[in-house]
Amino acid sequence: MKGETSEEMLRRLMLAGTRVDGAYYRYARRRGIRENTLDLLYALDDGEEHTQAQLCADWLIPKTTVNTSVRELREAGLAELCAAPRGREKTIRLTAAGQAYAREALAPVYEVERQAMARALERYSREFVDAMECFADALCEGFDRVPGEA
């Protein structure tokens, strides 16, 4: 709001981010899907093959979490590991059954996201997304520079 300090605006932004995460969490829970599995389905639903390292880096999902979710999806016949064109790390992709499952689980997500984006863009310019990406990049870079334990 007008006259807010940067700290007050930052707190509002962090709360909004927490609410976004919470909305996906509540949806996953209502659907009986683990939140990490929903994240992985979302990441894999682009039709591309991804390495575990790519998923961890792009989605900031811990390696052990990706391992567990991929193992569960494989056991359910929803994902498979494939030889990568280069290197020894395997790529992960959804099977035909996994694609159908992802479409069914993610259709409501995509619709709610589409409506939320349309509402935001009615009020704000398309630069809204650019600004969020800029903020996220700066935040990640800043935290990467903070010393700490590995």
Protein backbone atom coordinates (compact mmCIF):
# COMPACT_ATOMS: atom_id res chain seq x y z
CA MET A 1 0.00 0.00 0.00
CA LYS A 2 1.03 3.63 -0.38
CA GLY A 3 3.75 4.60 2.05
CA GLU A 4 4.75 1.04 2.88
CA THR A 5 8.36 0.39 3.75
CA SER A 6 10.33 -2.12 1.70
CA GLU A 7 10.24 -4.45 4.71
CA GLU A 8 6.44 -4.28 4.82
CA MET A 9 6.19 -4.92 1.08
CA LEU A 10 8.62 -7.83 1.39
CA ARG A 11 6.54 -9.35 4.19
CA ARG A 12 3.42 -9.07 2.00
CA LEU A 13 5.26 -10.71 -0.88
CA MET A 14 6.56 -13.55 1.31
CA LEU A 15 3.08 -14.11 2.70
CA ALA A 16 1.67 -14.21 -0.84
CA GLY A 17 4.31 -16.77 -1.83
CA THR A 18 3.48 -18.89 1.20
CA ARG A 19 -0.20 -18.72 0.31
CA VAL A 20 0.59 -19.83 -3.27
CA ASP A 21 2.55 -22.82 -1.96
CA GLY A 22 -0.23 -23.58 0.51
CA ALA A 23 -2.88 -23.53 -2.21
CA TYR A 24 -1.03 -26.22 -4.19
CA TYR A 25 -0.45 -28.21 -0.99
CA ARG A 26 -4.16 -28.12 -0.07
CA TYR A 27 -5.15 -29.13 -3.60
CA ALA A 28 -2.72 -32.07 -3.60
CA ARG A 29 -3.93 -33.19 -0.19
CA ARG A 30 -7.59 -33.06 -1.24
CA ARG A 31 -6.72 -35.16 -4.29
CA GLY A 32 -4.76 -37.68 -2.22
CA ILE A 33 -1.50 -36.84 -4.00
CA ARG A 34 1.68 -36.08 -2.12
CA GLU A 35 2.71 -32.47 -2.72
CA ASN A 36 6.13 -33.51 -4.01
CA THR A 37 4.51 -35.94 -6.43
CA LEU A 38 2.24 -33.18 -7.71
CA ASP A 39 5.32 -30.96 -8.20
CA LEU A 40 7.07 -33.72 -10.12
CA LEU A 41 4.02 -34.45 -12.28
CA TYR A 42 3.79 -30.73 -13.06
CA ALA A 43 7.47 -30.60 -14.00
CA LEU A 44 7.25 -33.72 -16.19
CA ASP A 45 3.97 -32.73 -17.84
CA ASP A 46 5.75 -30.59 -20.42
CA GLY A 47 6.34 -33.69 -22.57
CA GLU A 48 10.11 -33.41 -22.29
CA GLU A 49 12.55 -35.79 -20.67
CA HIS A 50 14.36 -34.38 -17.64
CA THR A 51 17.32 -35.58 -15.66
CA GLN A 52 17.06 -35.72 -11.92
CA ALA A 53 19.72 -32.99 -11.70
CA GLN A 54 17.64 -30.72 -13.98
CA LEU A 55 14.52 -31.26 -11.88
CA CYS A 56 16.42 -30.53 -8.68
CA ALA A 57 17.97 -27.35 -10.11
CA ASP A 58 14.91 -25.99 -11.94
CA TRP A 59 12.27 -26.81 -9.32
CA LEU A 60 14.45 -26.57 -6.19
CA ILE A 61 13.35 -30.03 -5.12
CA PRO A 62 15.89 -31.92 -2.98
CA LYS A 63 17.54 -34.90 -4.68
CA THR A 64 16.24 -37.37 -2.10
CA THR A 65 12.70 -36.07 -2.63
CA VAL A 66 12.99 -36.46 -6.40
CA ASN A 67 14.42 -39.98 -5.91
CA THR A 68 11.50 -40.99 -3.69
CA SER A 69 8.85 -39.47 -5.96
CA VAL A 70 10.37 -40.98 -9.11
CA ARG A 71 10.59 -44.40 -7.44
CA GLU A 72 6.92 -44.19 -6.42
CA LEU A 73 5.84 -43.09 -9.91
CA ARG A 74 7.90 -45.90 -11.48
CA GLU A 75 6.40 -48.49 -9.12
CA ALA A 76 2.93 -47.27 -10.10
CA GLY A 77 3.84 -47.54 -13.81
CA LEU A 78 3.50 -43.77 -14.28
CA ALA A 79 7.14 -42.87 -15.05
CA GLU A 80 10.18 -44.50 -16.56
CA LEU A 81 13.90 -43.93 -16.67
CA CYS A 82 15.57 -43.69 -20.06
CA ALA A 83 19.18 -43.58 -21.18
CA ALA A 84 20.32 -39.99 -21.63
CA PRO A 85 21.85 -38.98 -24.97
CA ARG A 86 24.99 -37.82 -23.14
CA GLY A 87 26.41 -38.70 -19.78
CA ARG A 88 25.38 -41.50 -17.53
CA GLU A 89 22.46 -39.87 -15.73
CA LYS A 90 19.14 -41.23 -16.88
CA THR A 91 16.24 -39.07 -17.95
CA ILE A 92 12.79 -39.34 -16.43
CA ARG A 93 9.59 -39.22 -18.41
CA LEU A 94 5.96 -40.06 -17.89
CA THR A 95 4.61 -43.27 -19.39
CA ALA A 96 1.34 -43.17 -21.35
CA ALA A 97 -0.47 -44.06 -18.11
CA GLY A 98 1.52 -41.33 -16.33
CA GLN A 99 0.54 -38.79 -18.96
CA ALA A 100 -3.13 -39.68 -18.54
CA TYR A 101 -2.82 -39.51 -14.75
CA ALA A 102 -1.03 -36.15 -14.94
CA ARG A 103 -3.65 -34.73 -17.33
CA GLU A 104 -6.45 -35.76 -14.98
CA ALA A 105 -4.69 -34.53 -11.83
CA LEU A 106 -3.39 -31.30 -13.34
CA ALA A 107 -6.40 -30.19 -15.42
CA PRO A 108 -7.99 -28.40 -12.44
CA VAL A 109 -4.60 -26.90 -11.51
CA TYR A 110 -4.08 -25.49 -15.00
CA GLU A 111 -7.61 -24.06 -15.07
CA VAL A 112 -7.27 -22.37 -11.67
CA GLU A 113 -3.84 -21.02 -12.70
CA ARG A 114 -5.25 -19.72 -15.99
CA GLN A 115 -8.07 -17.91 -14.19
CA ALA A 116 -5.72 -16.49 -11.54
CA MET A 117 -3.30 -15.24 -14.21
CA ALA A 118 -6.12 -13.66 -16.21
CA ARG A 119 -7.30 -11.88 -13.06
CA ALA A 120 -3.78 -10.64 -12.25
CA LEU A 121 -3.19 -9.47 -15.82
CA GLU A 122 -6.49 -7.57 -15.81
CA ARG A 123 -5.09 -5.47 -13.00
CA TYR A 124 -1.34 -5.52 -13.71
CA SER A 125 0.73 -5.58 -16.87
CA ARG A 126 2.48 -8.63 -18.26
CA GLU A 127 5.57 -7.29 -16.53
CA PHE A 128 4.09 -8.84 -13.37
CA VAL A 129 5.64 -12.18 -14.39
CA ASP A 130 8.96 -10.56 -15.36
CA ALA A 131 9.08 -8.84 -11.98
CA MET A 132 8.47 -12.10 -10.11
CA GLU A 133 11.21 -13.84 -12.11
CA CYS A 134 13.60 -10.97 -11.41
CA PHE A 135 12.82 -11.11 -7.69
CA ALA A 136 13.18 -14.91 -7.57
CA ASP A 137 16.51 -14.79 -9.43
CA ALA A 138 17.87 -12.09 -7.13
CA LEU A 139 16.69 -13.97 -4.05
CA CYS A 140 18.26 -17.26 -5.17
CA GLU A 141 21.53 -15.56 -6.11
CA GLY A 142 21.61 -13.72 -2.80
CA PHE A 143 21.01 -16.85 -0.73
CA ASP A 144 23.63 -18.73 -2.75
CA ARG A 145 26.18 -16.15 -1.59
CA VAL A 146 25.30 -16.48 2.10
CA PRO A 147 27.88 -18.70 3.80
CA GLY A 148 26.62 -21.74 5.62
CA GLU A 149 26.90 -25.46 6.03
CA ALA A 150 26.58 -27.67 2.98
